[in-house]
């Protein structure tokens, strides 16, 4: 996962609203940064691969990236 993707996921995890999925939060973060849908797809694909590799949920993988970054 490249540094920009990690930054997007970490920001999304920090700004995630209550009862909001990480997917929606990442989508909001991508739009706020002026990026396009293909970037969202790439970030989500990388995050899902990371979650599968670590045998955790996508939410947990995003939270772990947030903690690792900050």
PDB file of N, CA and C in Angstrom:
ATOM      1  N   UNK A   1       0.864  -1.174   0.000  1.00  0.00           N
ATOM      2  CA  UNK A   1       0.000   0.000   0.000  1.00  0.00           C
ATOM      3  C   UNK A   1       0.904   1.229   0.000  1.00  0.00           C
ATOM      4  N   UNK A   2       0.680   2.145  -0.948  1.00  0.00           N
ATOM      5  CA  UNK A   2       1.519   3.341  -1.022  1.00  0.00           C
ATOM      6  C   UNK A   2       1.174   4.330   0.091  1.00  0.00           C
ATOM      7  N   UNK A   3       2.057   5.291   0.282  1.00  0.00           N
ATOM      8  CA  UNK A   3       1.912   6.235   1.400  1.00  0.00           C
ATOM      9  C   UNK A   3       0.629   7.060   1.301  1.00  0.00           C
ATOM     10  N   UNK A   4       0.227   7.453   0.098  1.00  0.00           N
ATOM     11  CA  UNK A   4      -1.005   8.230  -0.043  1.00  0.00           C
ATOM     12  C   UNK A   4      -2.219   7.391   0.368  1.00  0.00           C
ATOM     13  N   UNK A   5      -2.220   6.118   0.005  1.00  0.00           N
ATOM     14  CA  UNK A   5      -3.322   5.226   0.393  1.00  0.00           C
ATOM     15  C   UNK A   5      -3.389   5.085   1.910  1.00  0.00           C
ATOM     16  N   UNK A   6      -2.234   4.904   2.521  1.00  0.00           N
ATOM     17  CA  UNK A   6      -2.183   4.798   3.985  1.00  0.00           C
ATOM     18  C   UNK A   6      -2.724   6.077   4.612  1.00  0.00           C
ATOM     19  N   UNK A   7      -2.335   7.216   4.063  1.00  0.00           N
ATOM     20  CA  UNK A   7      -2.799   8.505   4.571  1.00  0.00           C
ATOM     21  C   UNK A   7      -4.323   8.644   4.428  1.00  0.00           C
ATOM     22  N   UNK A   8      -4.862   8.211   3.292  1.00  0.00           N
ATOM     23  CA  UNK A   8      -6.309   8.280   3.067  1.00  0.00           C
ATOM     24  C   UNK A   8      -7.048   7.401   4.070  1.00  0.00           C
ATOM     25  N   UNK A   9      -6.574   6.170   4.252  1.00  0.00           N
ATOM     26  CA  UNK A   9      -7.230   5.246   5.179  1.00  0.00           C
ATOM     27  C   UNK A   9      -7.128   5.760   6.613  1.00  0.00           C
ATOM     28  N   UNK A  10      -5.967   6.263   6.989  1.00  0.00           N
ATOM     29  CA  UNK A  10      -5.794   6.783   8.350  1.00  0.00           C
ATOM     30  C   UNK A  10      -6.722   7.968   8.605  1.00  0.00           C
ATOM     31  N   UNK A  11      -6.820   8.881   7.640  1.00  0.00           N
ATOM     32  CA  UNK A  11      -7.720  10.035   7.790  1.00  0.00           C
ATOM     33  C   UNK A  11      -9.171   9.570   7.878  1.00  0.00           C
ATOM     34  N   UNK A  12      -9.530   8.614   7.034  1.00  0.00           N
ATOM     35  CA  UNK A  12     -10.902   8.098   7.048  1.00  0.00           C
ATOM     36  C   UNK A  12     -11.226   7.440   8.385  1.00  0.00           C
ATOM     37  N   UNK A  13     -10.274   6.707   8.940  1.00  0.00           N
ATOM     38  CA  UNK A  13     -10.494   6.060  10.237  1.00  0.00           C
ATOM     39  C   UNK A  13     -10.641   7.098  11.345  1.00  0.00           C
ATOM     40  N   UNK A  14      -9.874   8.195  11.246  1.00  0.00           N
ATOM     41  CA  UNK A  14      -9.964   9.265  12.249  1.00  0.00           C
ATOM     42  C   UNK A  14     -11.289  10.021  12.177  1.00  0.00           C
ATOM     43  N   UNK A  15     -11.799  10.232  10.951  1.00  0.00           N
ATOM     44  CA  UNK A  15     -12.982  11.080  10.768  1.00  0.00           C
ATOM     45  C   UNK A  15     -14.270  10.275  10.600  1.00  0.00           C
ATOM     46  N   UNK A  16     -14.173   8.955  10.764  1.00  0.00           N
ATOM     47  CA  UNK A  16     -15.337   8.083  10.585  1.00  0.00           C
ATOM     48  C   UNK A  16     -16.443   8.458  11.573  1.00  0.00           C
ATOM     49  N   UNK A  17     -17.630   8.609  11.049  1.00  0.00           N
ATOM     50  CA  UNK A  17     -18.781   8.954  11.872  1.00  0.00           C
ATOM     51  C   UNK A  17     -19.332   7.696  12.547  1.00  0.00           C
ATOM     52  N   UNK A  18     -20.051   7.891  13.632  1.00  0.00           N
ATOM     53  CA  UNK A  18     -20.655   6.758  14.317  1.00  0.00           C
ATOM     54  C   UNK A  18     -21.626   6.054  13.374  1.00  0.00           C
ATOM     55  N   UNK A  19     -21.625   4.747  13.389  1.00  0.00           N
ATOM     56  CA  UNK A  19     -22.490   3.909  12.555  1.00  0.00           C
ATOM     57  C   UNK A  19     -22.206   4.053  11.060  1.00  0.00           C
ATOM     58  N   UNK A  20     -21.028   4.552  10.712  1.00  0.00           N
ATOM     59  CA  UNK A  20     -20.638   4.683   9.309  1.00  0.00           C
ATOM     60  C   UNK A  20     -19.621   3.588   8.992  1.00  0.00           C
ATOM     61  N   UNK A  21     -19.720   3.005   7.812  1.00  0.00           N
ATOM     62  CA  UNK A  21     -18.738   1.994   7.418  1.00  0.00           C
ATOM     63  C   UNK A  21     -17.441   2.673   7.012  1.00  0.00           C
ATOM     64  N   UNK A  22     -16.363   1.920   7.097  1.00  0.00           N
ATOM     65  CA  UNK A  22     -15.075   2.475   6.679  1.00  0.00           C
ATOM     66  C   UNK A  22     -15.079   2.753   5.181  1.00  0.00           C
ATOM     67  N   UNK A  23     -15.825   1.949   4.414  1.00  0.00           N
ATOM     68  CA  UNK A  23     -15.912   2.184   2.973  1.00  0.00           C
ATOM     69  C   UNK A  23     -16.489   3.559   2.667  1.00  0.00           C
ATOM     70  N   UNK A  24     -17.545   3.912   3.364  1.00  0.00           N
ATOM     71  CA  UNK A  24     -18.175   5.222   3.152  1.00  0.00           C
ATOM     72  C   UNK A  24     -17.246   6.350   3.589  1.00  0.00           C
ATOM     73  N   UNK A  25     -16.577   6.146   4.713  1.00  0.00           N
ATOM     74  CA  UNK A  25     -15.656   7.160   5.201  1.00  0.00           C
ATOM     75  C   UNK A  25     -14.482   7.361   4.241  1.00  0.00           C
ATOM     76  N   UNK A  26     -13.972   6.273   3.685  1.00  0.00           N
ATOM     77  CA  UNK A  26     -12.889   6.385   2.707  1.00  0.00           C
ATOM     78  C   UNK A  26     -13.391   7.107   1.456  1.00  0.00           C
ATOM     79  N   UNK A  27     -14.601   6.801   1.013  1.00  0.00           N
ATOM     80  CA  UNK A  27     -15.180   7.491  -0.134  1.00  0.00           C
ATOM     81  C   UNK A  27     -15.271   8.991   0.094  1.00  0.00           C
ATOM     82  N   UNK A  28     -15.687   9.379   1.282  1.00  0.00           N
ATOM     83  CA  UNK A  28     -15.796  10.795   1.629  1.00  0.00           C
ATOM     84  C   UNK A  28     -14.417  11.450   1.624  1.00  0.00           C
ATOM     85  N   UNK A  29     -13.433  10.760   2.176  1.00  0.00           N
ATOM     86  CA  UNK A  29     -12.068  11.286   2.221  1.00  0.00           C
ATOM     87  C   UNK A  29     -11.494  11.446   0.822  1.00  0.00           C
ATOM     88  N   UNK A  30     -11.714  10.456  -0.031  1.00  0.00           N
ATOM     89  CA  UNK A  30     -11.228  10.524  -1.416  1.00  0.00           C
ATOM     90  C   UNK A  30     -11.857  11.709  -2.143  1.00  0.00           C
ATOM     91  N   UNK A  31     -13.169  11.887  -1.986  1.00  0.00           N
ATOM     92  CA  UNK A  31     -13.848  13.033  -2.636  1.00  0.00           C
ATOM     93  C   UNK A  31     -13.343  14.359  -2.090  1.00  0.00           C
ATOM     94  N   UNK A  32     -13.131  14.441  -0.778  1.00  0.00           N
ATOM     95  CA  UNK A  32     -12.654  15.676  -0.159  1.00  0.00           C
ATOM     96  C   UNK A  32     -11.287  16.060  -0.700  1.00  0.00           C
ATOM     97  N   UNK A  33     -10.469  15.072  -1.012  1.00  0.00           N
ATOM     98  CA  UNK A  33      -9.138  15.337  -1.555  1.00  0.00           C
ATOM     99  C   UNK A  33      -9.156  15.584  -3.061  1.00  0.00           C
ATOM    100  N   UNK A  34     -10.336  15.500  -3.669  1.00  0.00           N
ATOM    101  CA  UNK A  34     -10.457  15.773  -5.100  1.00  0.00           C
ATOM    102  C   UNK A  34      -9.977  14.640  -5.990  1.00  0.00           C
ATOM    103  N   UNK A  35      -9.933  13.449  -5.443  1.00  0.00           N
ATOM    104  CA  UNK A  35      -9.493  12.278  -6.216  1.00  0.00           C
ATOM    105  C   UNK A  35     -10.698  11.610  -6.863  1.00  0.00           C
ATOM    106  N   UNK A  36     -10.451  10.703  -7.781  1.00  0.00           N
ATOM    107  CA  UNK A  36     -11.549  10.090  -8.510  1.00  0.00           C
ATOM    108  C   UNK A  36     -11.877   8.677  -8.006  1.00  0.00           C
ATOM    109  N   UNK A  37     -12.921   8.110  -8.591  1.00  0.00           N
ATOM    110  CA  UNK A  37     -13.438   6.814  -8.153  1.00  0.00           C
ATOM    111  C   UNK A  37     -12.407   5.701  -8.320  1.00  0.00           C
ATOM    112  N   UNK A  38     -11.581   5.787  -9.336  1.00  0.00           N
ATOM    113  CA  UNK A  38     -10.567   4.741  -9.533  1.00  0.00           C
ATOM    114  C   UNK A  38      -9.578   4.714  -8.371  1.00  0.00           C
ATOM    115  N   UNK A  39      -9.313   5.873  -7.788  1.00  0.00           N
ATOM    116  CA  UNK A  39      -8.432   5.929  -6.609  1.00  0.00           C
ATOM    117  C   UNK A  39      -9.113   5.258  -5.421  1.00  0.00           C
ATOM    118  N   UNK A  40     -10.407   5.488  -5.257  1.00  0.00           N
ATOM    119  CA  UNK A  40     -11.178   4.837  -4.194  1.00  0.00           C
ATOM    120  C   UNK A  40     -11.102   3.320  -4.348  1.00  0.00           C
ATOM    121  N   UNK A  41     -11.292   2.839  -5.565  1.00  0.00           N
ATOM    122  CA  UNK A  41     -11.246   1.398  -5.837  1.00  0.00           C
ATOM    123  C   UNK A  41      -9.871   0.840  -5.473  1.00  0.00           C
ATOM    124  N   UNK A  42      -8.812   1.555  -5.830  1.00  0.00           N
ATOM    125  CA  UNK A  42      -7.456   1.100  -5.524  1.00  0.00           C
ATOM    126  C   UNK A  42      -7.219   1.044  -4.012  1.00  0.00           C
ATOM    127  N   UNK A  43      -7.633   2.076  -3.295  1.00  0.00           N
ATOM    128  CA  UNK A  43      -7.447   2.113  -1.841  1.00  0.00           C
ATOM    129  C   UNK A  43      -8.212   0.969  -1.176  1.00  0.00           C
ATOM    130  N   UNK A  44      -9.463   0.770  -1.591  1.00  0.00           N
ATOM    131  CA  UNK A  44     -10.265  -0.302  -0.995  1.00  0.00           C
ATOM    132  C   UNK A  44      -9.686  -1.674  -1.315  1.00  0.00           C
ATOM    133  N   UNK A  45      -9.204  -1.855  -2.527  1.00  0.00           N
ATOM    134  CA  UNK A  45      -8.596  -3.122  -2.909  1.00  0.00           C
ATOM    135  C   UNK A  45      -7.356  -3.403  -2.056  1.00  0.00           C
ATOM    136  N   UNK A  46      -6.509  -2.396  -1.904  1.00  0.00           N
ATOM    137  CA  UNK A  46      -5.310  -2.548  -1.071  1.00  0.00           C
ATOM    138  C   UNK A  46      -5.678  -2.844   0.380  1.00  0.00           C
ATOM    139  N   UNK A  47      -6.689  -2.148   0.891  1.00  0.00           N
ATOM    140  CA  UNK A  47      -7.110  -2.346   2.278  1.00  0.00           C
ATOM    141  C   UNK A  47      -7.687  -3.746   2.480  1.00  0.00           C
ATOM    142  N   UNK A  48      -8.480  -4.213   1.539  1.00  0.00           N
ATOM    143  CA  UNK A  48      -9.037  -5.569   1.645  1.00  0.00           C
ATOM    144  C   UNK A  48      -7.933  -6.621   1.592  1.00  0.00           C
ATOM    145  N   UNK A  49      -6.950  -6.404   0.724  1.00  0.00           N
ATOM    146  CA  UNK A  49      -5.817  -7.334   0.652  1.00  0.00           C
ATOM    147  C   UNK A  49      -5.050  -7.357   1.975  1.00  0.00           C
ATOM    148  N   UNK A  50      -4.836  -6.189   2.558  1.00  0.00           N
ATOM    149  CA  UNK A  50      -4.143  -6.098   3.837  1.00  0.00           C
ATOM    150  C   UNK A  50      -4.928  -6.806   4.934  1.00  0.00           C
ATOM    151  N   UNK A  51      -6.232  -6.592   4.954  1.00  0.00           N
ATOM    152  CA  UNK A  51      -7.084  -7.239   5.959  1.00  0.00           C
ATOM    153  C   UNK A  51      -7.028  -8.760   5.814  1.00  0.00           C
ATOM    154  N   UNK A  52      -7.061  -9.222   4.597  1.00  0.00           N
ATOM    155  CA  UNK A  52      -7.008 -10.671   4.353  1.00  0.00           C
ATOM    156  C   UNK A  52      -5.657 -11.235   4.790  1.00  0.00           C
ATOM    157  N   UNK A  53      -4.599 -10.513   4.473  1.00  0.00           N
ATOM    158  CA  UNK A  53      -3.247 -10.939   4.844  1.00  0.00           C
ATOM    159  C   UNK A  53      -3.091 -11.032   6.365  1.00  0.00           C
ATOM    160  N   UNK A  54      -3.654 -10.055   7.077  1.00  0.00           N
ATOM    161  CA  UNK A  54      -3.538 -10.023   8.546  1.00  0.00           C
ATOM    162  C   UNK A  54      -4.654 -10.803   9.253  1.00  0.00           C
ATOM    163  N   UNK A  55      -5.582 -11.327   8.458  1.00  0.00           N
ATOM    164  CA  UNK A  55      -6.717 -12.108   8.978  1.00  0.00           C
ATOM    165  C   UNK A  55      -7.543 -11.307   9.995  1.00  0.00           C
ATOM    166  N   UNK A  56      -7.879 -10.081   9.584  1.00  0.00           N
ATOM    167  CA  UNK A  56      -8.736  -9.197  10.377  1.00  0.00           C
ATOM    168  C   UNK A  56      -9.805  -8.621   9.456  1.00  0.00           C
ATOM    169  N   UNK A  57     -10.770  -7.905  10.036  1.00  0.00           N
ATOM    170  CA  UNK A  57     -11.791  -7.256   9.223  1.00  0.00           C
ATOM    171  C   UNK A  57     -11.192  -6.010   8.564  1.00  0.00           C
ATOM    172  N   UNK A  58     -11.910  -5.494   7.575  1.00  0.00           N
ATOM    173  CA  UNK A  58     -11.473  -4.266   6.900  1.00  0.00           C
ATOM    174  C   UNK A  58     -11.435  -3.113   7.906  1.00  0.00           C
ATOM    175  N   UNK A  59     -12.419  -3.058   8.785  1.00  0.00           N
ATOM    176  CA  UNK A  59     -12.469  -2.013   9.820  1.00  0.00           C
ATOM    177  C   UNK A  59     -11.225  -2.088  10.723  1.00  0.00           C
ATOM    178  N   UNK A  60     -10.869  -3.303  11.147  1.00  0.00           N
ATOM    179  CA  UNK A  60      -9.702  -3.474  12.015  1.00  0.00           C
ATOM    180  C   UNK A  60      -8.405  -3.118  11.290  1.00  0.00           C
ATOM    181  N   UNK A  61      -8.305  -3.485  10.024  1.00  0.00           N
ATOM    182  CA  UNK A  61      -7.112  -3.145   9.239  1.00  0.00           C
ATOM    183  C   UNK A  61      -6.966  -1.625   9.124  1.00  0.00           C
ATOM    184  N   UNK A  62      -8.077  -0.934   8.892  1.00  0.00           N
ATOM    185  CA  UNK A  62      -8.042   0.533   8.792  1.00  0.00           C
ATOM    186  C   UNK A  62      -7.622   1.144  10.123  1.00  0.00           C
ATOM    187  N   UNK A  63      -8.155   0.629  11.212  1.00  0.00           N
ATOM    188  CA  UNK A  63      -7.812   1.140  12.540  1.00  0.00           C
ATOM    189  C   UNK A  63      -6.332   0.896  12.832  1.00  0.00           C
ATOM    190  N   UNK A  64      -5.827  -0.264  12.441  1.00  0.00           N
ATOM    191  CA  UNK A  64      -4.406  -0.561  12.648  1.00  0.00           C
ATOM    192  C   UNK A  64      -3.526   0.400  11.860  1.00  0.00           C
ATOM    193  N   UNK A  65      -3.910   0.723  10.632  1.00  0.00           N
ATOM    194  CA  UNK A  65      -3.150   1.683   9.830  1.00  0.00           C
ATOM    195  C   UNK A  65      -3.174   3.063  10.492  1.00  0.00           C
ATOM    196  N   UNK A  66      -4.296   3.413  11.033  1.00  0.00           N
ATOM    197  CA  UNK A  66      -4.413   4.716  11.718  1.00  0.00           C
ATOM    198  C   UNK A  66      -3.448   4.765  12.892  1.00  0.00           C
ATOM    199  N   UNK A  67      -3.414   3.693  13.674  1.00  0.00           N
ATOM    200  CA  UNK A  67      -2.533   3.652  14.842  1.00  0.00           C
ATOM    201  C   UNK A  67      -1.061   3.621  14.435  1.00  0.00           C
ATOM    202  N   UNK A  68      -0.762   2.914  13.349  1.00  0.00           N
ATOM    203  CA  UNK A  68       0.623   2.835  12.878  1.00  0.00           C
ATOM    204  C   UNK A  68       1.116   4.187  12.377  1.00  0.00           C
ATOM    205  N   UNK A  69       0.223   4.953  11.746  1.00  0.00           N
ATOM    206  CA  UNK A  69       0.614   6.248  11.181  1.00  0.00           C
ATOM    207  C   UNK A  69       0.781   7.316  12.265  1.00  0.00           C
ATOM    208  N   UNK A  70      -0.126   7.303  13.234  1.00  0.00           N
ATOM    209  CA  UNK A  70      -0.157   8.391  14.201  1.00  0.00           C
ATOM    210  C   UNK A  70       0.474   8.069  15.471  1.00  0.00           C
TER     211      UNK A  70
END
